[in-house]
Amino acid sequence: MRERESDMDTEAAWIKQVQRQSSETAANALVSRYYKEMYSYAYRQTTNKQLSMDLTQDIFIHMLQSIGKFDGARGSFRTWLYKLATNRIVDYYRSKYYSYTRHTAPIEEEMPDDGDFTLEIEKREQIETIMLQVNQMDAASQHIFRLKFFAEYTFSDIAPLLNIPESTAKTKYYAMIRRLKKQLGGDSNE
């Protein structure tokens, strides 16, 4: 417990150094602390290494540009960073660039040499199909889905982040899951 408090104090000090003095050392420390986590979050939604690295870089650029607006009294830095990351990923999927690369990017570049090539392609196609459906839903539902499914947040974590009751987060999430099942042909009861 004491170690966690010390980590939080260190993180708060880095944030203040970046906000007040534009400390490059503190900024690098924040990026280093969260890089793998944000990369993993982006990769689970794109299954593309290069794109995930680009999105992660964009997430941290945006973090540094808007860190002056971060208020620790409203929530944790990690939660705020996930919100920024989710916005960056949603923006990417809404972009013209996504529409273009979706039809032109060669899938072979990302495939591992070992393992089952067919299973890897099927996994990517399933994720892309799901993301196409998710991207057509309202922004609040997208945020809830991405935080729950990819960041593994609980509903009690998501609710304050989006300023909604926990019951609303649950309702939107499960409605979205039912809609996805129906649209993807996985639920013949509806």
C-alpha atoms as a PDB file:
ATOM      1  CA  MET A   1       0.000   0.000   0.000  1.00  0.00           C
ATOM      2  CA  ARG A   2       2.779   2.389   0.942  1.00  0.00           C
ATOM      3  CA  GLU A   3       4.589   1.655  -2.325  1.00  0.00           C
ATOM      4  CA  ARG A   4       1.429   2.456  -4.321  1.00  0.00           C
ATOM      5  CA  GLU A   5       1.042   5.782  -2.488  1.00  0.00           C
ATOM      6  CA  SER A   6       4.680   6.562  -3.227  1.00  0.00           C
ATOM      7  CA  ASP A   7       4.110   5.781  -6.937  1.00  0.00           C
ATOM      8  CA  MET A   8       1.049   8.038  -6.964  1.00  0.00           C
ATOM      9  CA  ASP A   9       3.018  10.845  -5.291  1.00  0.00           C
ATOM     10  CA  THR A  10       5.824  10.449  -7.827  1.00  0.00           C
ATOM     11  CA  GLU A  11       3.329  10.519 -10.690  1.00  0.00           C
ATOM     12  CA  ALA A  12       1.625  13.631  -9.263  1.00  0.00           C
ATOM     13  CA  ALA A  13       5.016  15.329  -9.004  1.00  0.00           C
ATOM     14  CA  TRP A  14       5.801  14.496 -12.649  1.00  0.00           C
ATOM     15  CA  ILE A  15       2.444  15.874 -13.763  1.00  0.00           C
ATOM     16  CA  LYS A  16       3.019  19.131 -11.885  1.00  0.00           C
ATOM     17  CA  GLN A  17       6.524  19.435 -13.344  1.00  0.00           C
ATOM     18  CA  VAL A  18       5.154  19.028 -16.857  1.00  0.00           C
ATOM     19  CA  GLN A  19       2.256  21.431 -16.217  1.00  0.00           C
ATOM     20  CA  ARG A  20       4.336  24.153 -14.571  1.00  0.00           C
ATOM     21  CA  GLN A  21       7.800  23.819 -16.064  1.00  0.00           C
ATOM     22  CA  SER A  22       7.313  21.782 -19.249  1.00  0.00           C
ATOM     23  CA  SER A  23       9.819  19.310 -17.797  1.00  0.00           C
ATOM     24  CA  GLU A  24      11.043  16.973 -20.497  1.00  0.00           C
ATOM     25  CA  THR A  25      12.362  14.524 -17.901  1.00  0.00           C
ATOM     26  CA  ALA A  26       8.990  14.324 -16.156  1.00  0.00           C
ATOM     27  CA  ALA A  27       7.179  13.994 -19.499  1.00  0.00           C
ATOM     28  CA  ASN A  28       9.465  11.130 -20.510  1.00  0.00           C
ATOM     29  CA  ALA A  29       8.838   9.434 -17.163  1.00  0.00           C
ATOM     30  CA  LEU A  30       5.057   9.619 -17.670  1.00  0.00           C
ATOM     31  CA  VAL A  31       5.347   8.271 -21.206  1.00  0.00           C
ATOM     32  CA  SER A  32       7.638   5.450 -20.044  1.00  0.00           C
ATOM     33  CA  ARG A  33       5.264   4.498 -17.248  1.00  0.00           C
ATOM     34  CA  TYR A  34       2.222   4.167 -19.547  1.00  0.00           C
ATOM     35  CA  TYR A  35       3.667   3.369 -22.990  1.00  0.00           C
ATOM     36  CA  LYS A  36       3.214  -0.422 -22.941  1.00  0.00           C
ATOM     37  CA  GLU A  37      -0.276  -0.131 -21.489  1.00  0.00           C
ATOM     38  CA  MET A  38      -1.437   2.387 -24.116  1.00  0.00           C
ATOM     39  CA  TYR A  39       0.247   0.454 -26.939  1.00  0.00           C
ATOM     40  CA  SER A  40      -1.504  -2.720 -25.801  1.00  0.00           C
ATOM     41  CA  TYR A  41      -4.835  -0.879 -25.629  1.00  0.00           C
ATOM     42  CA  ALA A  42      -4.395   0.402 -29.197  1.00  0.00           C
ATOM     43  CA  TYR A  43      -3.133  -2.943 -30.503  1.00  0.00           C
ATOM     44  CA  ARG A  44      -6.105  -4.895 -29.152  1.00  0.00           C
ATOM     45  CA  GLN A  45      -8.354  -2.605 -31.203  1.00  0.00           C
ATOM     46  CA  THR A  46      -6.326  -2.557 -34.407  1.00  0.00           C
ATOM     47  CA  THR A  47      -4.242  -5.777 -34.464  1.00  0.00           C
ATOM     48  CA  ASN A  48      -1.670  -3.810 -36.452  1.00  0.00           C
ATOM     49  CA  LYS A  49       1.749  -3.173 -34.886  1.00  0.00           C
ATOM     50  CA  GLN A  50       2.717  -0.105 -36.909  1.00  0.00           C
ATOM     51  CA  LEU A  51      -0.697   1.512 -36.605  1.00  0.00           C
ATOM     52  CA  SER A  52      -0.709   0.829 -32.860  1.00  0.00           C
ATOM     53  CA  MET A  53       2.696   2.478 -32.492  1.00  0.00           C
ATOM     54  CA  ASP A  54       1.456   5.488 -34.480  1.00  0.00           C
ATOM     55  CA  LEU A  55      -1.718   5.742 -32.407  1.00  0.00           C
ATOM     56  CA  THR A  56       0.260   5.393 -29.179  1.00  0.00           C
ATOM     57  CA  GLN A  57       2.550   8.210 -30.269  1.00  0.00           C
ATOM     58  CA  ASP A  58      -0.491  10.324 -31.111  1.00  0.00           C
ATOM     59  CA  ILE A  59      -1.997   9.540 -27.693  1.00  0.00           C
ATOM     60  CA  PHE A  60       1.106  10.801 -25.912  1.00  0.00           C
ATOM     61  CA  ILE A  61       1.450  13.869 -28.116  1.00  0.00           C
ATOM     62  CA  HIS A  62      -2.142  14.755 -27.286  1.00  0.00           C
ATOM     63  CA  MET A  63      -1.489  14.009 -23.601  1.00  0.00           C
ATOM     64  CA  LEU A  64       1.398  16.479 -23.546  1.00  0.00           C
ATOM     65  CA  GLN A  65      -0.612  19.106 -25.430  1.00  0.00           C
ATOM     66  CA  SER A  66      -3.534  18.892 -23.029  1.00  0.00           C
ATOM     67  CA  ILE A  67      -1.904  17.969 -19.709  1.00  0.00           C
ATOM     68  CA  GLY A  68      -2.519  21.523 -18.514  1.00  0.00           C
ATOM     69  CA  LYS A  69      -6.223  20.657 -18.433  1.00  0.00           C
ATOM     70  CA  PHE A  70      -5.695  17.559 -16.282  1.00  0.00           C
ATOM     71  CA  ASP A  71      -7.241  17.932 -12.834  1.00  0.00           C
ATOM     72  CA  GLY A  72      -6.365  15.169 -10.369  1.00  0.00           C
ATOM     73  CA  ALA A  73      -9.392  16.071  -8.253  1.00  0.00           C
ATOM     74  CA  ARG A  74     -11.679  14.842 -11.050  1.00  0.00           C
ATOM     75  CA  GLY A  75     -10.032  11.429 -11.443  1.00  0.00           C
ATOM     76  CA  SER A  76      -6.781   9.544 -11.788  1.00  0.00           C
ATOM     77  CA  PHE A  77      -4.215  10.329 -14.448  1.00  0.00           C
ATOM     78  CA  ARG A  78      -4.482   6.768 -15.776  1.00  0.00           C
ATOM     79  CA  THR A  79      -8.240   7.154 -16.246  1.00  0.00           C
ATOM     80  CA  TRP A  80      -7.766  10.529 -17.951  1.00  0.00           C
ATOM     81  CA  LEU A  81      -5.129   8.990 -20.227  1.00  0.00           C
ATOM     82  CA  TYR A  82      -7.494   6.165 -21.213  1.00  0.00           C
ATOM     83  CA  LYS A  83     -10.129   8.728 -22.090  1.00  0.00           C
ATOM     84  CA  LEU A  84      -7.633  10.535 -24.331  1.00  0.00           C
ATOM     85  CA  ALA A  85      -6.581   7.214 -25.864  1.00  0.00           C
ATOM     86  CA  THR A  86     -10.171   6.209 -26.544  1.00  0.00           C
ATOM     87  CA  ASN A  87     -10.831   9.554 -28.220  1.00  0.00           C
ATOM     88  CA  ARG A  88      -7.729   9.181 -30.415  1.00  0.00           C
ATOM     89  CA  ILE A  89      -8.740   5.668 -31.475  1.00  0.00           C
ATOM     90  CA  VAL A  90     -12.333   6.698 -32.190  1.00  0.00           C
ATOM     91  CA  ASP A  91     -11.008   9.642 -34.222  1.00  0.00           C
ATOM     92  CA  TYR A  92      -8.797   7.295 -36.218  1.00  0.00           C
ATOM     93  CA  TYR A  93     -11.689   4.982 -37.068  1.00  0.00           C
ATOM     94  CA  ARG A  94     -13.773   7.971 -38.161  1.00  0.00           C
ATOM     95  CA  SER A  95     -10.980   9.365 -40.335  1.00  0.00           C
ATOM     96  CA  LYS A  96     -10.678   9.270 -44.089  1.00  0.00           C
ATOM     97  CA  TYR A  97      -7.239   7.681 -43.616  1.00  0.00           C
ATOM     98  CA  TYR A  98      -8.831   4.622 -41.982  1.00  0.00           C
ATOM     99  CA  SER A  99     -11.234   4.207 -44.898  1.00  0.00           C
ATOM    100  CA  TYR A 100      -8.338   4.372 -47.346  1.00  0.00           C
ATOM    101  CA  THR A 101      -5.909   2.065 -45.526  1.00  0.00           C
ATOM    102  CA  ARG A 102      -8.619  -0.471 -44.776  1.00  0.00           C
ATOM    103  CA  HIS A 103      -8.837  -1.218 -48.476  1.00  0.00           C
ATOM    104  CA  THR A 104      -5.161  -0.852 -49.404  1.00  0.00           C
ATOM    105  CA  ALA A 105      -2.987  -2.117 -46.520  1.00  0.00           C
ATOM    106  CA  PRO A 106      -1.416  -5.523 -47.145  1.00  0.00           C
ATOM    107  CA  ILE A 107      -2.260  -7.917 -44.320  1.00  0.00           C
ATOM    108  CA  GLU A 108       0.819 -10.127 -44.913  1.00  0.00           C
ATOM    109  CA  GLU A 109       3.195  -7.589 -43.343  1.00  0.00           C
ATOM    110  CA  GLU A 110       1.688  -8.178 -39.918  1.00  0.00           C
ATOM    111  CA  MET A 111       1.502 -11.975 -40.027  1.00  0.00           C
ATOM    112  CA  PRO A 112       3.893 -14.005 -37.914  1.00  0.00           C
ATOM    113  CA  ASP A 113       6.011 -16.600 -39.694  1.00  0.00           C
ATOM    114  CA  ASP A 114       5.129 -19.280 -37.175  1.00  0.00           C
ATOM    115  CA  GLY A 115       1.684 -20.232 -35.965  1.00  0.00           C
ATOM    116  CA  ASP A 116      -1.522 -20.750 -37.857  1.00  0.00           C
ATOM    117  CA  PHE A 117      -1.827 -18.122 -40.575  1.00  0.00           C
ATOM    118  CA  THR A 118      -5.517 -18.856 -41.202  1.00  0.00           C
ATOM    119  CA  LEU A 119      -6.476 -18.399 -37.548  1.00  0.00           C
ATOM    120  CA  GLU A 120      -4.598 -15.098 -37.393  1.00  0.00           C
ATOM    121  CA  ILE A 121      -6.450 -13.792 -40.470  1.00  0.00           C
ATOM    122  CA  GLU A 122      -9.810 -14.907 -39.057  1.00  0.00           C
ATOM    123  CA  LYS A 123      -9.053 -13.170 -35.745  1.00  0.00           C
ATOM    124  CA  ARG A 124      -8.179  -9.935 -37.529  1.00  0.00           C
ATOM    125  CA  GLU A 125     -11.262 -10.112 -39.708  1.00  0.00           C
ATOM    126  CA  GLN A 126     -13.480 -10.690 -36.664  1.00  0.00           C
ATOM    127  CA  ILE A 127     -11.973  -7.731 -34.815  1.00  0.00           C
ATOM    128  CA  GLU A 128     -12.332  -5.518 -37.888  1.00  0.00           C
ATOM    129  CA  THR A 129     -15.973  -6.580 -38.354  1.00  0.00           C
ATOM    130  CA  ILE A 130     -16.744  -5.846 -34.698  1.00  0.00           C
ATOM    131  CA  MET A 131     -14.962  -2.490 -34.834  1.00  0.00           C
ATOM    132  CA  LEU A 132     -16.879  -1.482 -37.964  1.00  0.00           C
ATOM    133  CA  GLN A 133     -20.120  -2.053 -36.050  1.00  0.00           C
ATOM    134  CA  VAL A 134     -18.852  -0.348 -32.878  1.00  0.00           C
ATOM    135  CA  ASN A 135     -17.707   2.702 -34.836  1.00  0.00           C
ATOM    136  CA  GLN A 136     -21.251   3.280 -36.077  1.00  0.00           C
ATOM    137  CA  MET A 137     -22.638   3.615 -32.554  1.00  0.00           C
ATOM    138  CA  ASP A 138     -22.924   6.763 -30.464  1.00  0.00           C
ATOM    139  CA  ALA A 139     -19.756   8.091 -28.822  1.00  0.00           C
ATOM    140  CA  ALA A 140     -20.798   7.208 -25.250  1.00  0.00           C
ATOM    141  CA  SER A 141     -21.488   3.596 -26.198  1.00  0.00           C
ATOM    142  CA  GLN A 142     -18.159   3.395 -28.032  1.00  0.00           C
ATOM    143  CA  HIS A 143     -16.314   4.708 -24.976  1.00  0.00           C
ATOM    144  CA  ILE A 144     -18.048   2.219 -22.686  1.00  0.00           C
ATOM    145  CA  PHE A 145     -17.369  -0.699 -25.032  1.00  0.00           C
ATOM    146  CA  ARG A 146     -13.704   0.162 -25.575  1.00  0.00           C
ATOM    147  CA  LEU A 147     -12.977   0.724 -21.892  1.00  0.00           C
ATOM    148  CA  LYS A 148     -14.813  -2.442 -20.817  1.00  0.00           C
ATOM    149  CA  PHE A 149     -13.685  -4.750 -23.595  1.00  0.00           C
ATOM    150  CA  PHE A 150     -10.152  -3.561 -24.397  1.00  0.00           C
ATOM    151  CA  ALA A 151      -8.976  -1.805 -21.217  1.00  0.00           C
ATOM    152  CA  GLU A 152     -10.837  -4.239 -18.947  1.00  0.00           C
ATOM    153  CA  TYR A 153     -12.316  -1.440 -16.834  1.00  0.00           C
ATOM    154  CA  THR A 154     -15.174  -2.230 -14.466  1.00  0.00           C
ATOM    155  CA  PHE A 155     -18.502  -0.439 -14.717  1.00  0.00           C
ATOM    156  CA  SER A 156     -17.688   1.333 -11.456  1.00  0.00           C
ATOM    157  CA  ASP A 157     -14.498   2.654 -13.123  1.00  0.00           C
ATOM    158  CA  ILE A 158     -16.278   3.674 -16.323  1.00  0.00           C
ATOM    159  CA  ALA A 159     -19.220   5.523 -14.733  1.00  0.00           C
ATOM    160  CA  PRO A 160     -17.289   8.421 -13.148  1.00  0.00           C
ATOM    161  CA  LEU A 161     -15.004   8.665 -16.162  1.00  0.00           C
ATOM    162  CA  LEU A 162     -17.977   9.374 -18.432  1.00  0.00           C
ATOM    163  CA  ASN A 163     -20.017  11.191 -15.769  1.00  0.00           C
ATOM    164  CA  ILE A 164     -22.886   8.712 -15.944  1.00  0.00           C
ATOM    165  CA  PRO A 165     -24.498   6.408 -13.365  1.00  0.00           C
ATOM    166  CA  GLU A 166     -23.055   2.900 -13.179  1.00  0.00           C
ATOM    167  CA  SER A 167     -26.458   1.472 -14.137  1.00  0.00           C
ATOM    168  CA  THR A 168     -26.425   3.546 -17.334  1.00  0.00           C
ATOM    169  CA  ALA A 169     -22.969   2.238 -18.223  1.00  0.00           C
ATOM    170  CA  LYS A 170     -24.186  -1.344 -17.732  1.00  0.00           C
ATOM    171  CA  THR A 171     -27.383  -0.766 -19.692  1.00  0.00           C
ATOM    172  CA  LYS A 172     -25.558   0.823 -22.640  1.00  0.00           C
ATOM    173  CA  TYR A 173     -22.872  -1.882 -22.659  1.00  0.00           C
ATOM    174  CA  TYR A 174     -25.282  -4.819 -22.624  1.00  0.00           C
ATOM    175  CA  ALA A 175     -27.571  -3.169 -25.182  1.00  0.00           C
ATOM    176  CA  MET A 176     -24.531  -2.702 -27.399  1.00  0.00           C
ATOM    177  CA  ILE A 177     -23.520  -6.358 -26.959  1.00  0.00           C
ATOM    178  CA  ARG A 178     -27.044  -7.500 -27.920  1.00  0.00           C
ATOM    179  CA  ARG A 179     -26.983  -5.200 -30.947  1.00  0.00           C
ATOM    180  CA  LEU A 180     -23.561  -6.503 -32.005  1.00  0.00           C
ATOM    181  CA  LYS A 181     -24.690 -10.118 -31.691  1.00  0.00           C
ATOM    182  CA  LYS A 182     -27.759  -9.370 -33.772  1.00  0.00           C
ATOM    183  CA  GLN A 183     -25.830  -7.454 -36.451  1.00  0.00           C
ATOM    184  CA  LEU A 184     -23.125 -10.096 -36.640  1.00  0.00           C
ATOM    185  CA  GLY A 185     -25.658 -12.910 -36.863  1.00  0.00           C
ATOM    186  CA  GLY A 186     -24.718 -14.477 -33.556  1.00  0.00           C
ATOM    187  CA  ASP A 187     -28.083 -14.110 -31.840  1.00  0.00           C
ATOM    188  CA  SER A 188     -31.044 -15.581 -33.645  1.00  0.00           C
ATOM    189  CA  ASN A 189     -33.471 -14.899 -30.774  1.00  0.00           C
ATOM    190  CA  GLU A 190     -33.734 -11.175 -31.505  1.00  0.00           C
END
